[in-house]
Amino acid sequence: MAKVTLDTIIADVLKMDEGTAPIFMKSGMHCLGCPSASGESIAQACAIHEIDAEELVEELNTYLENNAK
């Protein structure tokens, strides 16, 4: 199973599992389809949106572990 890190690109997380979209949205990242999402790392996006990147990565990995296909 793939693990998400601070350097993981947002679009790559969404490709792993589209079910991660609500986690990003809940955190305040509503532009998941914008061009930045296809090239921006989680750390970069969190810095722009003033979100705790470590917390988001932990939440994403927990979701992915619990919903492994």
PDB file of N, CA and C in Angstrom:
ATOM      1  N   MET A   1       0.839  -1.186   0.000  1.00  0.00           N
ATOM      2  CA  MET A   1       0.000   0.000   0.000  1.00  0.00           C
ATOM      3  C   MET A   1       0.882   1.247   0.000  1.00  0.00           C
ATOM      4  N   ALA A   2       0.519   2.201  -0.809  1.00  0.00           N
ATOM      5  CA  ALA A   2       1.274   3.450  -0.907  1.00  0.00           C
ATOM      6  C   ALA A   2       1.038   4.308   0.334  1.00  0.00           C
ATOM      7  N   LYS A   3       2.072   5.020   0.714  1.00  0.00           N
ATOM      8  CA  LYS A   3       1.985   5.946   1.838  1.00  0.00           C
ATOM      9  C   LYS A   3       2.084   7.363   1.294  1.00  0.00           C
ATOM     10  N   VAL A   4       1.336   8.258   1.890  1.00  0.00           N
ATOM     11  CA  VAL A   4       1.372   9.666   1.543  1.00  0.00           C
ATOM     12  C   VAL A   4       2.433  10.328   2.416  1.00  0.00           C
ATOM     13  N   THR A   5       3.216  11.228   1.812  1.00  0.00           N
ATOM     14  CA  THR A   5       4.205  12.010   2.548  1.00  0.00           C
ATOM     15  C   THR A   5       3.950  13.489   2.289  1.00  0.00           C
ATOM     16  N   LEU A   6       4.714  14.322   2.953  1.00  0.00           N
ATOM     17  CA  LEU A   6       4.591  15.762   2.736  1.00  0.00           C
ATOM     18  C   LEU A   6       4.916  16.140   1.300  1.00  0.00           C
ATOM     19  N   ASP A   7       5.745  15.333   0.637  1.00  0.00           N
ATOM     20  CA  ASP A   7       6.163  15.623  -0.734  1.00  0.00           C
ATOM     21  C   ASP A   7       5.248  15.036  -1.800  1.00  0.00           C
ATOM     22  N   THR A   8       4.237  14.275  -1.394  1.00  0.00           N
ATOM     23  CA  THR A   8       3.322  13.663  -2.361  1.00  0.00           C
ATOM     24  C   THR A   8       2.495  14.751  -3.040  1.00  0.00           C
ATOM     25  N   ILE A   9       2.356  14.625  -4.339  1.00  0.00           N
ATOM     26  CA  ILE A   9       1.554  15.566  -5.128  1.00  0.00           C
ATOM     27  C   ILE A   9       0.071  15.264  -4.888  1.00  0.00           C
ATOM     28  N   ILE A  10      -0.711  16.305  -4.719  1.00  0.00           N
ATOM     29  CA  ILE A  10      -2.135  16.149  -4.399  1.00  0.00           C
ATOM     30  C   ILE A  10      -2.847  15.286  -5.438  1.00  0.00           C
ATOM     31  N   ALA A  11      -2.601  15.533  -6.713  1.00  0.00           N
ATOM     32  CA  ALA A  11      -3.257  14.746  -7.765  1.00  0.00           C
ATOM     33  C   ALA A  11      -2.917  13.263  -7.643  1.00  0.00           C
ATOM     34  N   ASP A  12      -1.699  12.951  -7.198  1.00  0.00           N
ATOM     35  CA  ASP A  12      -1.308  11.546  -7.033  1.00  0.00           C
ATOM     36  C   ASP A  12      -2.082  10.883  -5.901  1.00  0.00           C
ATOM     37  N   VAL A  13      -2.362  11.642  -4.848  1.00  0.00           N
ATOM     38  CA  VAL A  13      -3.173  11.107  -3.748  1.00  0.00           C
ATOM     39  C   VAL A  13      -4.578  10.797  -4.253  1.00  0.00           C
ATOM     40  N   LEU A  14      -5.139  11.713  -5.015  1.00  0.00           N
ATOM     41  CA  LEU A  14      -6.483  11.512  -5.557  1.00  0.00           C
ATOM     42  C   LEU A  14      -6.533  10.322  -6.509  1.00  0.00           C
ATOM     43  N   LYS A  15      -5.438  10.079  -7.243  1.00  0.00           N
ATOM     44  CA  LYS A  15      -5.382   8.911  -8.124  1.00  0.00           C
ATOM     45  C   LYS A  15      -5.312   7.610  -7.322  1.00  0.00           C
ATOM     46  N   MET A  16      -4.659   7.664  -6.163  1.00  0.00           N
ATOM     47  CA  MET A  16      -4.589   6.477  -5.289  1.00  0.00           C
ATOM     48  C   MET A  16      -5.980   6.061  -4.845  1.00  0.00           C
ATOM     49  N   ASP A  17      -6.770   7.070  -4.452  1.00  0.00           N
ATOM     50  CA  ASP A  17      -8.124   6.800  -3.963  1.00  0.00           C
ATOM     51  C   ASP A  17      -8.908   8.109  -3.990  1.00  0.00           C
ATOM     52  N   GLU A  18      -9.914   8.168  -4.842  1.00  0.00           N
ATOM     53  CA  GLU A  18     -10.731   9.381  -4.947  1.00  0.00           C
ATOM     54  C   GLU A  18     -11.459   9.705  -3.653  1.00  0.00           C
ATOM     55  N   GLY A  19     -11.566   8.719  -2.779  1.00  0.00           N
ATOM     56  CA  GLY A  19     -12.216   8.925  -1.490  1.00  0.00           C
ATOM     57  C   GLY A  19     -11.454   9.876  -0.581  1.00  0.00           C
ATOM     58  N   THR A  20     -10.228  10.231  -0.977  1.00  0.00           N
ATOM     59  CA  THR A  20      -9.459  11.193  -0.183  1.00  0.00           C
ATOM     60  C   THR A  20      -9.928  12.626  -0.420  1.00  0.00           C
ATOM     61  N   ALA A  21     -10.671  12.862  -1.479  1.00  0.00           N
ATOM     62  CA  ALA A  21     -11.124  14.217  -1.811  1.00  0.00           C
ATOM     63  C   ALA A  21     -11.851  14.893  -0.650  1.00  0.00           C
ATOM     64  N   PRO A  22     -12.789  14.222   0.030  1.00  0.00           N
ATOM     65  CA  PRO A  22     -13.459  14.885   1.147  1.00  0.00           C
ATOM     66  C   PRO A  22     -12.511  15.289   2.286  1.00  0.00           C
ATOM     67  N   ILE A  23     -11.420  14.567   2.439  1.00  0.00           N
ATOM     68  CA  ILE A  23     -10.448  14.919   3.477  1.00  0.00           C
ATOM     69  C   ILE A  23      -9.785  16.246   3.119  1.00  0.00           C
ATOM     70  N   PHE A  24      -9.387  16.380   1.861  1.00  0.00           N
ATOM     71  CA  PHE A  24      -8.811  17.650   1.415  1.00  0.00           C
ATOM     72  C   PHE A  24      -9.830  18.778   1.542  1.00  0.00           C
ATOM     73  N   MET A  25     -11.053  18.516   1.105  1.00  0.00           N
ATOM     74  CA  MET A  25     -12.105  19.542   1.138  1.00  0.00           C
ATOM     75  C   MET A  25     -12.387  19.991   2.574  1.00  0.00           C
ATOM     76  N   LYS A  26     -12.453  19.036   3.480  1.00  0.00           N
ATOM     77  CA  LYS A  26     -12.723  19.349   4.885  1.00  0.00           C
ATOM     78  C   LYS A  26     -11.621  20.224   5.474  1.00  0.00           C
ATOM     79  N   SER A  27     -10.416  20.055   4.963  1.00  0.00           N
ATOM     80  CA  SER A  27      -9.276  20.828   5.439  1.00  0.00           C
ATOM     81  C   SER A  27      -9.236  22.241   4.869  1.00  0.00           C
ATOM     82  N   GLY A  28     -10.077  22.504   3.877  1.00  0.00           N
ATOM     83  CA  GLY A  28     -10.119  23.833   3.281  1.00  0.00           C
ATOM     84  C   GLY A  28      -9.549  23.902   1.881  1.00  0.00           C
ATOM     85  N   MET A  29      -9.149  22.753   1.337  1.00  0.00           N
ATOM     86  CA  MET A  29      -8.626  22.720  -0.031  1.00  0.00           C
ATOM     87  C   MET A  29      -9.771  22.352  -0.968  1.00  0.00           C
ATOM     88  N   HIS A  30     -10.386  23.361  -1.554  1.00  0.00           N
ATOM     89  CA  HIS A  30     -11.555  23.138  -2.383  1.00  0.00           C
ATOM     90  C   HIS A  30     -11.248  23.126  -3.869  1.00  0.00           C
ATOM     91  N   CYS A  31     -10.029  23.429  -4.255  1.00  0.00           N
ATOM     92  CA  CYS A  31      -9.658  23.520  -5.675  1.00  0.00           C
ATOM     93  C   CYS A  31      -8.894  22.283  -6.129  1.00  0.00           C
ATOM     94  N   LEU A  32      -9.427  21.125  -5.881  1.00  0.00           N
ATOM     95  CA  LEU A  32      -8.713  19.885  -6.202  1.00  0.00           C
ATOM     96  C   LEU A  32      -8.547  19.660  -7.697  1.00  0.00           C
ATOM     97  N   GLY A  33      -9.361  20.303  -8.494  1.00  0.00           N
ATOM     98  CA  GLY A  33      -9.262  20.147  -9.936  1.00  0.00           C
ATOM     99  C   GLY A  33      -8.447  21.242 -10.610  1.00  0.00           C
ATOM    100  N   CYS A  34      -7.956  22.197  -9.842  1.00  0.00           N
ATOM    101  CA  CYS A  34      -7.199  23.299 -10.437  1.00  0.00           C
ATOM    102  C   CYS A  34      -5.801  22.838 -10.843  1.00  0.00           C
ATOM    103  N   PRO A  35      -5.161  23.560 -11.738  1.00  0.00           N
ATOM    104  CA  PRO A  35      -3.830  23.158 -12.206  1.00  0.00           C
ATOM    105  C   PRO A  35      -2.798  23.001 -11.084  1.00  0.00           C
ATOM    106  N   SER A  36      -2.916  23.775 -10.033  1.00  0.00           N
ATOM    107  CA  SER A  36      -1.948  23.668  -8.938  1.00  0.00           C
ATOM    108  C   SER A  36      -1.976  22.297  -8.294  1.00  0.00           C
ATOM    109  N   ALA A  37      -3.141  21.691  -8.206  1.00  0.00           N
ATOM    110  CA  ALA A  37      -3.264  20.381  -7.559  1.00  0.00           C
ATOM    111  C   ALA A  37      -2.497  19.303  -8.300  1.00  0.00           C
ATOM    112  N   SER A  38      -2.276  19.503  -9.588  1.00  0.00           N
ATOM    113  CA  SER A  38      -1.569  18.477 -10.355  1.00  0.00           C
ATOM    114  C   SER A  38      -0.058  18.593 -10.227  1.00  0.00           C
ATOM    115  N   GLY A  39       0.430  19.665  -9.614  1.00  0.00           N
ATOM    116  CA  GLY A  39       1.863  19.817  -9.475  1.00  0.00           C
ATOM    117  C   GLY A  39       2.319  20.233  -8.091  1.00  0.00           C
ATOM    118  N   GLU A  40       1.383  20.431  -7.208  1.00  0.00           N
ATOM    119  CA  GLU A  40       1.692  20.945  -5.877  1.00  0.00           C
ATOM    120  C   GLU A  40       1.743  19.814  -4.855  1.00  0.00           C
ATOM    121  N   SER A  41       2.764  19.835  -4.023  1.00  0.00           N
ATOM    122  CA  SER A  41       2.859  18.825  -2.969  1.00  0.00           C
ATOM    123  C   SER A  41       1.900  19.178  -1.838  1.00  0.00           C
ATOM    124  N   ILE A  42       1.651  18.210  -0.994  1.00  0.00           N
ATOM    125  CA  ILE A  42       0.801  18.447   0.170  1.00  0.00           C
ATOM    126  C   ILE A  42       1.397  19.550   1.034  1.00  0.00           C
ATOM    127  N   ALA A  43       2.712  19.510   1.250  1.00  0.00           N
ATOM    128  CA  ALA A  43       3.369  20.530   2.073  1.00  0.00           C
ATOM    129  C   ALA A  43       3.189  21.926   1.483  1.00  0.00           C
ATOM    130  N   GLN A  44       3.342  22.047   0.164  1.00  0.00           N
ATOM    131  CA  GLN A  44       3.190  23.351  -0.487  1.00  0.00           C
ATOM    132  C   GLN A  44       1.763  23.868  -0.351  1.00  0.00           C
ATOM    133  N   ALA A  45       0.799  23.009  -0.604  1.00  0.00           N
ATOM    134  CA  ALA A  45      -0.604  23.419  -0.523  1.00  0.00           C
ATOM    135  C   ALA A  45      -0.987  23.786   0.908  1.00  0.00           C
ATOM    136  N   CYS A  46      -0.497  23.022   1.865  1.00  0.00           N
ATOM    137  CA  CYS A  46      -0.803  23.308   3.267  1.00  0.00           C
ATOM    138  C   CYS A  46      -0.215  24.643   3.698  1.00  0.00           C
ATOM    139  N   ALA A  47       0.972  24.964   3.215  1.00  0.00           N
ATOM    140  CA  ALA A  47       1.587  26.250   3.553  1.00  0.00           C
ATOM    141  C   ALA A  47       0.751  27.409   3.021  1.00  0.00           C
ATOM    142  N   ILE A  48       0.232  27.256   1.819  1.00  0.00           N
ATOM    143  CA  ILE A  48      -0.595  28.305   1.213  1.00  0.00           C
ATOM    144  C   ILE A  48      -1.921  28.451   1.950  1.00  0.00           C
ATOM    145  N   HIS A  49      -2.507  27.324   2.331  1.00  0.00           N
ATOM    146  CA  HIS A  49      -3.825  27.327   2.972  1.00  0.00           C
ATOM    147  C   HIS A  49      -3.757  27.398   4.498  1.00  0.00           C
ATOM    148  N   GLU A  50      -2.538  27.492   5.039  1.00  0.00           N
ATOM    149  CA  GLU A  50      -2.324  27.563   6.487  1.00  0.00           C
ATOM    150  C   GLU A  50      -2.964  26.375   7.213  1.00  0.00           C
ATOM    151  N   ILE A  51      -2.631  25.187   6.715  1.00  0.00           N
ATOM    152  CA  ILE A  51      -3.140  23.927   7.259  1.00  0.00           C
ATOM    153  C   ILE A  51      -1.964  23.150   7.827  1.00  0.00           C
ATOM    154  N   ASP A  52      -2.181  22.420   8.911  1.00  0.00           N
ATOM    155  CA  ASP A  52      -1.140  21.578   9.501  1.00  0.00           C
ATOM    156  C   ASP A  52      -0.899  20.388   8.568  1.00  0.00           C
ATOM    157  N   ALA A  53       0.230  20.411   7.871  1.00  0.00           N
ATOM    158  CA  ALA A  53       0.533  19.393   6.864  1.00  0.00           C
ATOM    159  C   ALA A  53       0.706  18.013   7.481  1.00  0.00           C
ATOM    160  N   GLU A  54       1.371  17.933   8.618  1.00  0.00           N
ATOM    161  CA  GLU A  54       1.589  16.637   9.280  1.00  0.00           C
ATOM    162  C   GLU A  54       0.255  15.991   9.653  1.00  0.00           C
ATOM    163  N   GLU A  55      -0.657  16.798  10.146  1.00  0.00           N
ATOM    164  CA  GLU A  55      -1.981  16.294  10.533  1.00  0.00           C
ATOM    165  C   GLU A  55      -2.748  15.787   9.311  1.00  0.00           C
ATOM    166  N   LEU A  56      -2.674  16.527   8.218  1.00  0.00           N
ATOM    167  CA  LEU A  56      -3.370  16.116   6.995  1.00  0.00           C
ATOM    168  C   LEU A  56      -2.789  14.813   6.453  1.00  0.00           C
ATOM    169  N   VAL A  57      -1.473  14.696   6.431  1.00  0.00           N
ATOM    170  CA  VAL A  57      -0.818  13.471   5.952  1.00  0.00           C
ATOM    171  C   VAL A  57      -1.232  12.287   6.812  1.00  0.00           C
ATOM    172  N   GLU A  58      -1.280  12.490   8.117  1.00  0.00           N
ATOM    173  CA  GLU A  58      -1.695  11.412   9.023  1.00  0.00           C
ATOM    174  C   GLU A  58      -3.130  10.986   8.739  1.00  0.00           C
ATOM    175  N   GLU A  59      -4.010  11.951   8.546  1.00  0.00           N
ATOM    176  CA  GLU A  59      -5.415  11.638   8.259  1.00  0.00           C
ATOM    177  C   GLU A  59      -5.558  10.906   6.926  1.00  0.00           C
ATOM    178  N   LEU A  60      -4.812  11.336   5.923  1.00  0.00           N
ATOM    179  CA  LEU A  60      -4.864  10.672   4.614  1.00  0.00           C
ATOM    180  C   LEU A  60      -4.353   9.237   4.709  1.00  0.00           C
ATOM    181  N   ASN A  61      -3.245   9.030   5.407  1.00  0.00           N
ATOM    182  CA  ASN A  61      -2.695   7.680   5.540  1.00  0.00           C
ATOM    183  C   ASN A  61      -3.615   6.770   6.336  1.00  0.00           C
ATOM    184  N   THR A  62      -4.255   7.298   7.361  1.00  0.00           N
ATOM    185  CA  THR A  62      -5.216   6.502   8.129  1.00  0.00           C
ATOM    186  C   THR A  62      -6.366   6.069   7.234  1.00  0.00           C
ATOM    187  N   TYR A  63      -6.876   7.022   6.431  1.00  0.00           N
ATOM    188  CA  TYR A  63      -7.954   6.677   5.505  1.00  0.00           C
ATOM    189  C   TYR A  63      -7.506   5.597   4.529  1.00  0.00           C
ATOM    190  N   LEU A  64      -6.327   5.775   3.941  1.00  0.00           N
ATOM    191  CA  LEU A  64      -5.846   4.816   2.952  1.00  0.00           C
ATOM    192  C   LEU A  64      -5.617   3.431   3.563  1.00  0.00           C
ATOM    193  N   GLU A  65      -5.117   3.362   4.796  1.00  0.00           N
ATOM    194  CA  GLU A  65      -4.924   2.081   5.475  1.00  0.00           C
ATOM    195  C   GLU A  65      -6.252   1.383   5.724  1.00  0.00           C
ATOM    196  N   ASN A  66      -7.251   2.152   6.123  1.00  0.00           N
ATOM    197  CA  ASN A  66      -8.558   1.578   6.460  1.00  0.00           C
ATOM    198  C   ASN A  66      -9.407   1.250   5.240  1.00  0.00           C
ATOM    199  N   ASN A  67      -9.029   1.780   4.090  1.00  0.00           N
ATOM    200  CA  ASN A  67      -9.829   1.583   2.875  1.00  0.00           C
ATOM    201  C   ASN A  67      -9.004   0.974   1.753  1.00  0.00           C
ATOM    202  N   ALA A  68      -7.987   0.230   2.104  1.00  0.00           N
ATOM    203  CA  ALA A  68      -7.123  -0.408   1.102  1.00  0.00           C
ATOM    204  C   ALA A  68      -7.945  -1.327   0.218  1.00  0.00           C
ATOM    205  N   LYS A  69      -7.669  -1.239  -1.059  1.00  0.00           N
ATOM    206  CA  LYS A  69      -8.445  -2.037  -2.025  1.00  0.00           C
ATOM    207  C   LYS A  69      -7.707  -3.308  -2.364  1.00  0.00           C
TER     208      LYS A  69
END
